[in-house]
Amino acid sequence: MMERIFGGQREMSIARVIWILAVYEMKKNIRKLLVLALVIIGILSVLGSVVIVNLILGSPDIPEVVKAPFLRYKWYIVLSMPQFFVSLISIAIGGGLFSSEYEDRTAYVLYTRPISRLTIFISKFSGGYLLITLLTLFYAVLAIGVSIIFFGETHGLWAAPYIVLATIYSQLIIYSLTLMFSQLTRRTILAMLIGVAIIIISPLVEGLLLTIEFLSEWILYILRLFPTWAMALPDYVASTLLPDFVTLDYTGDILTAVMIILGYFLLTSSITIYSLLKSDLVVD
């Protein structure tokens, strides 16, 4: 693939190189069976959420206080369903962003071209993140469309664009973490396993810390350093913009979540770029 991209090109502008590599990264990832499977599961989760909402609203055993958010903001429940699968897609894309070049031996072609490795990082990062953004927008349009068709309600729908933007931004944290491990380990499976472990273990540790919250006030500050705390940014935005919609008591600090995501992105990107600049082409 790399030979076809650069084989007939003698001189290209940096912008042209970035665009070519970004498109290449998008095409490469959308063809992955894992990514395609997760995209399909995400679609099914949107459609299945309609059934779940109807079951909750129709069950006499569920308290009215639990049903209240479902009554007013059905569209948000449907919109939030595929968020977990978007995170898994981010891990699947980020986990192979750099390691796949070493594993497929295309690094020899890519890194010996007369283009800087910083340009390569920008190109590949942009391509992967653009694909994540497009998929998030696709799920948002699908979820809102399904909600209008099946529920016919649009209460608070004006907040949807802000929640979708928060969802796109929140994916930066797990995406940048996973691609960092992709470069450091040069092993796609290992990088992906680390990413999955982060989104599974972090909430468990957060829950454990919450049980001892009364012991010290600084535990709440520690909680905000966990990646999954900041990844809940869409919930914080929803609980702020939508009346009577409340998430967990200790959440809701939008500005702090935004800054933590930015901090993770800058730190992981710096480590990835440094490793990329210093690395050779040898694969063990």
Protein backbone atom coordinates (compact mmCIF):
# COMPACT_ATOMS: atom_id res chain seq x y z
CA MET A 1 0.00 0.00 0.00
CA MET A 2 2.76 2.44 0.94
CA GLU A 3 4.59 1.70 -2.30
CA ARG A 4 1.45 2.59 -4.27
CA ILE A 5 1.01 5.82 -2.33
CA PHE A 6 4.54 7.12 -2.72
CA GLY A 7 5.90 5.10 -5.62
CA GLY A 8 5.08 7.58 -8.39
CA GLN A 9 5.48 10.76 -6.37
CA ARG A 10 8.76 12.67 -6.39
CA GLU A 11 7.75 15.85 -4.63
CA MET A 12 4.64 16.60 -2.63
CA SER A 13 3.68 19.41 -0.30
CA ILE A 14 3.38 18.63 3.41
CA ALA A 15 -0.36 19.26 3.24
CA ARG A 16 -0.64 16.74 0.38
CA VAL A 17 1.34 14.15 2.32
CA ILE A 18 -0.78 14.64 5.43
CA TRP A 19 -3.98 14.25 3.42
CA ILE A 20 -2.76 11.12 1.59
CA LEU A 21 -1.62 9.42 4.78
CA ALA A 22 -4.77 10.44 6.67
CA VAL A 23 -7.00 8.96 3.97
CA TYR A 24 -4.79 5.85 3.88
CA GLU A 25 -5.21 5.46 7.64
CA MET A 26 -8.98 5.85 7.41
CA LYS A 27 -9.29 3.28 4.62
CA LYS A 28 -6.99 0.84 6.41
CA ASN A 29 -8.96 0.99 9.64
CA ILE A 30 -12.46 0.89 8.21
CA ARG A 31 -11.49 -2.36 6.47
CA LYS A 32 -10.49 -4.03 9.72
CA LEU A 33 -12.90 -6.80 10.67
CA LEU A 34 -12.78 -5.77 14.33
CA VAL A 35 -13.69 -2.17 13.53
CA LEU A 36 -16.48 -3.26 11.19
CA ALA A 37 -17.83 -5.66 13.83
CA LEU A 38 -17.83 -2.92 16.47
CA VAL A 39 -19.55 -0.49 14.08
CA ILE A 40 -22.31 -3.05 13.46
CA ILE A 41 -22.69 -3.79 17.19
CA GLY A 42 -22.94 -0.04 17.82
CA ILE A 43 -25.75 0.21 15.29
CA LEU A 44 -27.54 -2.70 16.95
CA SER A 45 -27.14 -1.02 20.35
CA VAL A 46 -28.93 2.07 19.03
CA LEU A 47 -31.80 -0.01 17.71
CA GLY A 48 -31.88 -2.21 20.82
CA SER A 49 -32.04 0.83 23.09
CA VAL A 50 -35.53 1.54 21.78
CA VAL A 51 -36.66 -1.84 23.11
CA ILE A 52 -34.88 -1.25 26.43
CA VAL A 53 -36.50 2.16 26.94
CA ASN A 54 -39.95 0.72 26.19
CA LEU A 55 -39.38 -2.16 28.62
CA ILE A 56 -38.30 0.22 31.39
CA LEU A 57 -41.24 2.55 30.86
CA GLY A 58 -43.68 -0.34 30.70
CA SER A 59 -42.43 -2.17 33.80
CA PRO A 60 -44.57 -1.61 36.94
CA ASP A 61 -41.70 -2.82 39.16
CA ILE A 62 -39.37 0.07 38.30
CA PRO A 63 -39.79 3.17 40.52
CA GLU A 64 -41.04 6.35 38.88
CA VAL A 65 -37.91 8.22 40.00
CA VAL A 66 -35.87 5.86 37.81
CA LYS A 67 -38.26 6.27 34.89
CA ALA A 68 -38.24 10.07 35.04
CA PRO A 69 -35.13 10.67 32.83
CA PHE A 70 -36.45 8.10 30.34
CA LEU A 71 -39.77 9.91 30.10
CA ARG A 72 -38.31 13.31 29.20
CA TYR A 73 -35.05 12.45 27.42
CA LYS A 74 -35.54 9.22 25.53
CA TRP A 75 -33.35 10.53 22.72
CA TYR A 76 -30.43 10.98 25.12
CA ILE A 77 -30.69 7.39 26.35
CA VAL A 78 -30.56 6.19 22.75
CA LEU A 79 -27.75 8.62 21.92
CA SER A 80 -25.60 7.41 24.82
CA MET A 81 -25.96 3.70 24.03
CA PRO A 82 -23.19 3.42 21.39
CA GLN A 83 -20.66 5.53 23.36
CA PHE A 84 -18.98 2.45 24.85
CA PHE A 85 -18.57 0.93 21.39
CA VAL A 86 -17.15 4.21 20.09
CA SER A 87 -14.51 3.89 22.83
CA LEU A 88 -13.76 0.33 21.72
CA ILE A 89 -13.47 1.55 18.13
CA SER A 90 -11.04 4.24 19.32
CA ILE A 91 -8.98 1.52 20.98
CA ALA A 92 -9.10 -0.69 17.88
CA ILE A 93 -7.91 2.19 15.69
CA GLY A 94 -5.35 3.64 18.09
CA GLY A 95 -3.97 0.23 19.02
CA GLY A 96 -2.74 -0.43 15.49
CA LEU A 97 -1.94 3.10 14.42
CA PHE A 98 1.85 2.69 14.63
CA SER A 99 2.38 -0.93 15.61
CA SER A 100 0.75 -2.20 12.42
CA GLU A 101 3.45 -0.48 10.37
CA TYR A 102 6.13 -2.48 12.21
CA GLU A 103 4.14 -5.72 12.12
CA ASP A 104 3.32 -5.39 8.40
CA ARG A 105 6.88 -4.25 7.60
CA THR A 106 5.53 -1.10 5.94
CA ALA A 107 7.56 1.01 8.38
CA TYR A 108 10.60 0.50 6.14
CA VAL A 109 8.79 2.17 3.26
CA LEU A 110 7.05 4.87 5.31
CA TYR A 111 9.93 5.98 7.53
CA THR A 112 12.54 6.07 4.77
CA ARG A 113 10.54 8.53 2.70
CA PRO A 114 11.75 12.17 2.62
CA ILE A 115 9.06 13.27 5.07
CA SER A 116 9.50 14.00 8.77
CA ARG A 117 8.22 11.61 11.40
CA LEU A 118 6.33 14.50 12.96
CA THR A 119 4.42 14.81 9.68
CA ILE A 120 3.77 11.08 9.79
CA PHE A 121 2.41 11.37 13.34
CA ILE A 122 0.11 14.26 12.42
CA SER A 123 -1.14 12.41 9.35
CA LYS A 124 -1.85 9.10 11.02
CA PHE A 125 -3.31 10.68 14.15
CA SER A 126 -5.60 12.90 12.06
CA GLY A 127 -6.79 10.03 9.89
CA GLY A 128 -7.68 7.83 12.84
CA TYR A 129 -9.36 10.61 14.80
CA LEU A 130 -11.30 11.80 11.75
CA LEU A 131 -12.71 8.30 11.31
CA ILE A 132 -13.73 8.23 14.99
CA THR A 133 -15.40 11.63 14.55
CA LEU A 134 -17.33 10.53 11.47
CA LEU A 135 -18.55 7.36 13.18
CA THR A 136 -19.64 9.34 16.24
CA LEU A 137 -21.60 11.73 14.03
CA PHE A 138 -23.15 8.77 12.20
CA TYR A 139 -24.32 7.22 15.48
CA ALA A 140 -25.68 10.59 16.62
CA VAL A 141 -27.75 11.08 13.47
CA LEU A 142 -28.97 7.47 13.66
CA ALA A 143 -29.87 7.74 17.36
CA ILE A 144 -31.74 11.03 17.02
CA GLY A 145 -33.53 9.81 13.89
CA VAL A 146 -34.59 6.57 15.58
CA SER A 147 -35.78 8.50 18.66
CA ILE A 148 -37.93 10.85 16.61
CA ILE A 149 -39.42 7.99 14.59
CA PHE A 150 -40.22 5.68 17.51
CA PHE A 151 -40.82 8.15 20.35
CA GLY A 152 -41.78 11.30 18.50
CA GLU A 153 -40.32 13.46 21.24
CA THR A 154 -37.70 16.18 20.93
CA HIS A 155 -37.67 17.64 24.45
CA GLY A 156 -34.21 19.12 25.09
CA LEU A 157 -32.97 18.07 21.66
CA TRP A 158 -31.24 21.44 21.26
CA ALA A 159 -28.54 20.11 23.63
CA ALA A 160 -27.67 17.19 21.33
CA PRO A 161 -24.93 19.00 19.30
CA TYR A 162 -23.10 19.95 22.51
CA ILE A 163 -23.31 16.40 23.83
CA VAL A 164 -22.08 14.99 20.52
CA LEU A 165 -19.12 17.42 20.50
CA ALA A 166 -18.33 16.38 24.07
CA THR A 167 -18.42 12.74 22.99
CA ILE A 168 -16.00 13.38 20.13
CA TYR A 169 -13.64 15.34 22.36
CA SER A 170 -13.78 12.77 25.18
CA GLN A 171 -12.53 10.05 22.82
CA LEU A 172 -9.20 11.89 22.58
CA ILE A 173 -8.13 10.48 25.92
CA ILE A 174 -8.47 6.74 25.22
CA TYR A 175 -7.42 7.17 21.58
CA SER A 176 -4.19 9.01 22.45
CA LEU A 177 -3.41 6.60 25.30
CA THR A 178 -3.83 3.55 23.07
CA LEU A 179 -1.82 4.93 20.17
CA MET A 180 0.98 5.79 22.62
CA PHE A 181 1.14 2.15 23.69
CA SER A 182 0.90 1.16 20.03
CA GLN A 183 4.16 3.00 19.37
CA LEU A 184 5.89 2.02 22.62
CA THR A 185 5.08 -1.70 22.48
CA ARG A 186 4.93 -2.10 18.68
CA ARG A 187 2.34 -4.79 19.32
CA THR A 188 -1.25 -4.13 18.23
CA ILE A 189 -2.89 -6.77 20.43
CA LEU A 190 -0.97 -5.66 23.51
CA ALA A 191 -1.81 -1.98 22.94
CA MET A 192 -5.49 -2.83 22.49
CA LEU A 193 -5.54 -4.99 25.63
CA ILE A 194 -4.07 -2.11 27.63
CA GLY A 195 -6.74 0.22 26.26
CA VAL A 196 -9.55 -2.20 27.13
CA ALA A 197 -8.06 -2.72 30.60
CA ILE A 198 -8.10 1.04 31.17
CA ILE A 199 -11.81 1.47 30.41
CA ILE A 200 -12.75 -1.62 32.46
CA ILE A 201 -10.47 -1.35 35.49
CA SER A 202 -10.61 2.45 35.95
CA PRO A 203 -14.36 2.54 36.80
CA LEU A 204 -13.86 -0.34 39.27
CA VAL A 205 -11.08 1.53 41.05
CA GLU A 206 -13.18 4.71 41.00
CA GLY A 207 -16.05 2.85 42.67
CA LEU A 208 -13.70 1.46 45.30
CA LEU A 209 -12.32 4.91 46.09
CA LEU A 210 -15.82 6.30 46.40
CA THR A 211 -16.54 3.84 49.20
CA ILE A 212 -13.75 5.42 51.28
CA GLU A 213 -14.48 8.99 50.21
CA PHE A 214 -15.29 9.98 53.80
CA LEU A 215 -11.72 9.24 54.90
CA SER A 216 -10.20 12.14 53.02
CA GLU A 217 -11.33 14.96 50.75
CA TRP A 218 -8.38 14.53 48.39
CA ILE A 219 -9.76 11.22 47.14
CA LEU A 220 -12.18 13.18 44.94
CA TYR A 221 -9.21 14.90 43.32
CA ILE A 222 -7.57 11.53 42.67
CA LEU A 223 -10.78 10.31 41.03
CA ARG A 224 -10.58 13.09 38.47
CA LEU A 225 -7.19 11.86 37.29
CA PHE A 226 -8.68 8.58 36.06
CA PRO A 227 -9.19 8.53 32.27
CA THR A 228 -12.74 7.22 32.54
CA TRP A 229 -13.76 10.09 34.82
CA ALA A 230 -12.92 12.61 32.10
CA MET A 231 -14.39 10.35 29.41
CA ALA A 232 -17.78 10.84 31.09
CA LEU A 233 -17.74 14.45 29.80
CA PRO A 234 -20.92 13.91 27.69
CA ASP A 235 -22.81 12.99 30.89
CA TYR A 236 -21.54 16.12 32.61
CA VAL A 237 -22.67 18.24 29.69
CA ALA A 238 -26.07 16.50 29.64
CA SER A 239 -26.63 16.96 33.38
CA THR A 240 -25.77 20.65 33.01
CA LEU A 241 -27.88 21.43 29.94
CA LEU A 242 -30.89 19.16 30.49
CA PRO A 243 -33.22 20.15 33.37
CA ASP A 244 -33.93 17.40 35.92
CA PHE A 245 -31.32 15.12 34.39
CA VAL A 246 -28.75 14.22 37.05
CA THR A 247 -25.77 11.87 36.93
CA LEU A 248 -23.52 10.86 39.84
CA ASP A 249 -23.13 13.31 42.72
CA TYR A 250 -19.39 13.83 42.40
CA THR A 251 -19.47 14.58 38.68
CA GLY A 252 -20.42 17.57 36.61
CA ASP A 253 -17.19 19.57 36.49
CA ILE A 254 -17.05 20.17 32.76
CA LEU A 255 -14.04 22.49 32.73
CA THR A 256 -11.93 20.10 34.82
CA ALA A 257 -12.81 17.18 32.53
CA VAL A 258 -11.92 19.25 29.45
CA MET A 259 -8.54 20.20 30.91
CA ILE A 260 -7.75 16.63 32.00
CA ILE A 261 -8.50 15.29 28.51
CA LEU A 262 -6.27 18.00 27.03
CA GLY A 263 -3.53 17.13 29.54
CA TYR A 264 -3.66 13.44 28.67
CA PHE A 265 -3.60 14.27 24.96
CA LEU A 266 -0.56 16.56 25.25
CA LEU A 267 1.35 14.15 27.49
CA THR A 268 0.70 11.01 25.47
CA SER A 269 1.29 12.78 22.15
CA SER A 270 4.63 14.13 23.41
CA ILE A 271 5.73 10.65 24.50
CA THR A 272 4.57 9.13 21.20
CA ILE A 273 6.34 11.74 19.08
CA TYR A 274 9.56 11.40 21.10
CA SER A 275 9.48 7.62 20.75
CA LEU A 276 8.73 7.92 17.04
CA LEU A 277 11.65 10.30 16.48
CA LYS A 278 14.09 8.08 18.40
CA SER A 279 12.92 4.66 17.21
CA ASP A 280 14.60 2.48 14.61
CA LEU A 281 12.89 0.11 12.20
CA VAL A 282 13.84 -3.10 13.96
CA VAL A 283 11.01 -5.36 15.08
CA ASP A 284 11.79 -8.11 17.57
